[in-house]
C-alpha cells in the first residue's frame, strides 16, 4: 500500500502533488466560505428585487426638467393632513418595541419651501434593546422621519431601565 502511494506520488511529480494539495484545500474552503457567500448574495438580490417591486416605476425625466424632479421629490412625502396617521405609526412602533412614551413636546415649523417640519420630543422609558428597536423601527418604517438627537439617562448604574429623550422630525408636504 505504501509503495503504491509512493509510486503514485512519484508519477504525479511536485506539480501534481501541489495540485492535489490545492484541490484538497479548495473543497473545505468552498463549503465554509464560498457557498454561504453565494447564498447571502442570492438572499440580498431577492430582497433588492422585492424592494424594487414595491417602488412605483417612474420614467426618467429629460435633462433640464428640474421642476418635474422637484415635484417627484415632494410627492414622496405625506401631506400635512396625514400627520395624525404618522403620529399613530410612531406610537405603534413604541408599542411593538414595548417602550413607555411619556408626555412629549410637539412643534410645527413651516418655512418657505415645499416641506413642513414637525418636531417631536419624546421622553421614553425602557431597556436599551427596547429603545434601540423603537428608534430602528421608526427610521426603517417611516422614511420621511429623521432622528435629531437621543439622550440616555440611568438613575442607578444597576438599573436595567433607561430614561431617554428622543428628538425626531417628521417631514410633511404642504397641501
Protein backbone atom coordinates (compact mmCIF):
# COMPACT_ATOMS: atom_id res chain seq x y z
CA UNK A 1 0.00 0.00 0.00
CA UNK A 2 2.78 2.38 0.95
CA UNK A 3 4.79 1.52 -2.18
CA UNK A 4 1.77 2.12 -4.36
CA UNK A 5 1.27 5.55 -2.81
CA UNK A 6 4.96 6.36 -3.27
CA UNK A 7 4.83 5.34 -6.96
CA UNK A 8 1.67 7.41 -7.43
CA UNK A 9 3.31 10.49 -5.88
CA UNK A 10 6.44 9.97 -7.98
CA UNK A 11 4.30 9.73 -11.10
CA UNK A 12 2.49 12.97 -10.22
CA UNK A 13 5.69 14.87 -9.59
CA UNK A 14 5.97 18.03 -7.48
CA UNK A 15 3.46 19.98 -9.57
CA UNK A 16 0.89 17.18 -9.37
CA UNK A 17 1.31 16.85 -5.60
CA UNK A 18 0.86 20.60 -5.25
CA UNK A 19 -2.26 20.42 -7.44
CA UNK A 20 -3.78 17.65 -5.32
CA UNK A 21 -2.98 19.69 -2.20
CA UNK A 22 -4.70 22.76 -3.64
CA UNK A 23 -7.70 20.64 -4.62
CA UNK A 24 -7.95 19.19 -1.12
CA UNK A 25 -7.78 22.70 0.34
CA UNK A 26 -10.42 24.05 -2.06
CA UNK A 27 -13.16 21.62 -1.08
CA UNK A 28 -13.49 22.73 2.57
CA UNK A 29 -12.96 26.35 1.51
CA UNK A 30 -15.88 26.05 -0.91
CA UNK A 31 -18.25 24.66 1.71
CA UNK A 32 -17.21 27.03 4.52
CA UNK A 33 -16.73 30.31 2.65
CA UNK A 34 -17.94 30.42 -0.93
CA UNK A 35 -21.22 28.50 -0.68
CA UNK A 36 -22.51 30.62 2.27
CA UNK A 37 -21.39 33.80 0.46
CA UNK A 38 -23.31 32.77 -2.67
CA UNK A 39 -26.39 32.08 -0.56
CA UNK A 40 -26.06 35.54 1.02
CA UNK A 41 -25.76 37.17 -2.42
CA UNK A 42 -28.91 35.36 -3.59
CA UNK A 43 -30.77 36.44 -0.43
CA UNK A 44 -29.74 40.08 -0.87
CA UNK A 45 -30.63 40.07 -4.56
CA UNK A 46 -34.07 38.71 -3.74
CA UNK A 47 -34.52 41.40 -1.06
CA UNK A 48 -33.45 44.10 -3.53
CA UNK A 49 -35.92 42.79 -6.12
CA UNK A 50 -38.72 42.84 -3.52
CA UNK A 51 -37.88 46.45 -2.63
CA UNK A 52 -37.71 47.43 -6.27
CA UNK A 53 -41.09 45.83 -6.90
CA UNK A 54 -42.63 47.95 -4.11
CA UNK A 55 -41.41 51.23 -5.65
CA UNK A 56 -43.57 52.74 -8.34
CA UNK A 57 -41.94 52.73 -11.75
CA UNK A 58 -41.17 56.23 -12.88
CA UNK A 59 -39.97 57.34 -16.27
CA UNK A 60 -36.59 59.02 -16.24
CA UNK A 61 -37.01 62.74 -16.85
CA UNK A 62 -35.27 64.53 -19.66
CA UNK A 63 -32.25 66.56 -18.70
CA UNK A 64 -33.18 70.04 -17.52
CA UNK A 65 -36.62 69.02 -16.25
CA UNK A 66 -35.89 70.29 -12.73
CA UNK A 67 -39.46 71.26 -11.93
CA UNK A 68 -40.64 67.70 -12.55
CA UNK A 69 -37.74 66.34 -10.46
CA UNK A 70 -38.68 68.62 -7.60
CA UNK A 71 -42.35 67.66 -7.86
CA UNK A 72 -41.45 63.94 -7.79
CA UNK A 73 -39.26 64.54 -4.75
CA UNK A 74 -42.04 66.32 -2.82
CA UNK A 75 -44.58 63.68 -3.82
CA UNK A 76 -42.69 61.10 -1.72
CA UNK A 77 -43.62 62.96 1.49
CA UNK A 78 -47.02 62.62 3.20
CA UNK A 79 -49.22 65.71 3.23
CA UNK A 80 -49.78 67.72 6.41
CA UNK A 81 -53.32 66.33 6.75
CA UNK A 82 -51.78 62.84 7.16
CA UNK A 83 -49.90 63.92 10.32
CA UNK A 84 -52.26 62.07 12.71
CA UNK A 85 -51.57 58.85 10.82
CA UNK A 86 -47.81 59.44 11.05
CA UNK A 87 -48.09 60.00 14.81
CA UNK A 88 -50.21 56.86 15.17
CA UNK A 89 -47.50 54.92 13.34
CA UNK A 90 -44.90 56.38 15.72
CA UNK A 91 -46.95 55.27 18.75
CA UNK A 92 -47.49 51.83 17.20
CA UNK A 93 -43.71 51.38 16.84
CA UNK A 94 -43.32 52.28 20.51
CA UNK A 95 -45.95 49.71 21.44
CA UNK A 96 -44.26 46.97 19.39
CA UNK A 97 -40.89 47.80 20.99
CA UNK A 98 -42.58 47.79 24.43
CA UNK A 99 -41.27 51.20 25.43
CA UNK A 100 -43.25 53.62 27.52
CA UNK A 101 -43.83 57.04 25.96
CA UNK A 102 -44.36 59.89 28.38
CA UNK A 103 -45.82 63.36 27.72
CA UNK A 104 -43.99 64.73 24.69
CA UNK A 105 -43.48 68.09 23.07
CA UNK A 106 -44.77 68.72 19.55
CA UNK A 107 -43.93 71.72 17.40
CA UNK A 108 -44.75 72.53 13.76
CA UNK A 109 -42.16 74.53 11.85
CA UNK A 110 -43.11 75.83 8.44
CA UNK A 111 -40.51 77.54 6.33
CA UNK A 112 -40.61 78.80 2.79
CA UNK A 113 -40.29 75.83 0.51
CA UNK A 114 -42.26 72.69 -0.10
CA UNK A 115 -41.78 70.88 3.23
CA UNK A 116 -43.02 71.41 6.76
CA UNK A 117 -41.07 70.04 9.71
CA UNK A 118 -42.98 68.61 12.67
CA UNK A 119 -40.60 68.29 15.63
CA UNK A 120 -41.43 65.62 18.21
CA UNK A 121 -39.55 65.34 21.51
CA UNK A 122 -40.49 62.19 23.41
CA UNK A 123 -39.39 61.14 26.87
CA UNK A 124 -39.12 57.35 26.59
CA UNK A 125 -38.63 54.66 29.23
CA UNK A 126 -37.38 51.13 28.56
CA UNK A 127 -34.34 48.92 28.33
CA UNK A 128 -31.56 49.73 25.88
CA UNK A 129 -32.56 46.95 23.41
CA UNK A 130 -36.17 48.16 23.52
CA UNK A 131 -35.13 51.78 22.87
CA UNK A 132 -32.86 50.68 20.06
CA UNK A 133 -35.65 48.62 18.50
CA UNK A 134 -38.05 51.57 18.73
CA UNK A 135 -35.67 54.02 17.06
CA UNK A 136 -34.66 51.44 14.44
CA UNK A 137 -38.26 50.67 13.54
CA UNK A 138 -39.16 54.36 13.25
CA UNK A 139 -36.21 55.07 10.95
CA UNK A 140 -36.83 51.97 8.81
CA UNK A 141 -40.62 52.14 8.51
CA UNK A 142 -41.03 55.92 8.42
CA UNK A 143 -38.56 57.12 5.77
CA UNK A 144 -39.69 60.76 5.98
CA UNK A 145 -38.74 60.91 9.66
CA UNK A 146 -35.27 61.86 10.85
CA UNK A 147 -33.61 61.25 14.20
CA UNK A 148 -32.27 64.55 15.50
CA UNK A 149 -30.98 63.54 18.94
CA UNK A 150 -31.09 60.80 21.56
CA UNK A 151 -30.12 61.29 25.18
CA UNK A 152 -29.90 58.39 27.64
CA UNK A 153 -30.02 58.60 31.41
CA UNK A 154 -29.91 55.88 34.03
CA UNK A 155 -30.94 56.62 37.62
CA UNK A 156 -28.61 53.97 39.11
CA UNK A 157 -25.79 52.04 37.47
CA UNK A 158 -27.53 48.70 38.13
CA UNK A 159 -30.90 49.79 36.66
CA UNK A 160 -31.97 47.92 33.53
CA UNK A 161 -34.47 50.65 32.64
CA UNK A 162 -33.26 53.81 30.93
CA UNK A 163 -34.84 57.20 30.74
CA UNK A 164 -34.27 58.59 27.26
CA UNK A 165 -35.24 61.64 25.32
CA UNK A 166 -35.74 61.03 21.60
CA UNK A 167 -36.00 64.03 19.30
CA UNK A 168 -37.47 63.29 15.86
CA UNK A 169 -38.57 65.38 12.91
CA UNK A 170 -41.37 64.25 10.62
CA UNK A 171 -41.19 65.99 7.25
CA UNK A 172 -44.51 66.67 5.55
CA UNK A 173 -45.56 68.13 2.24
CA UNK A 174 -47.67 71.26 2.25
CA UNK A 175 -51.13 70.76 0.78
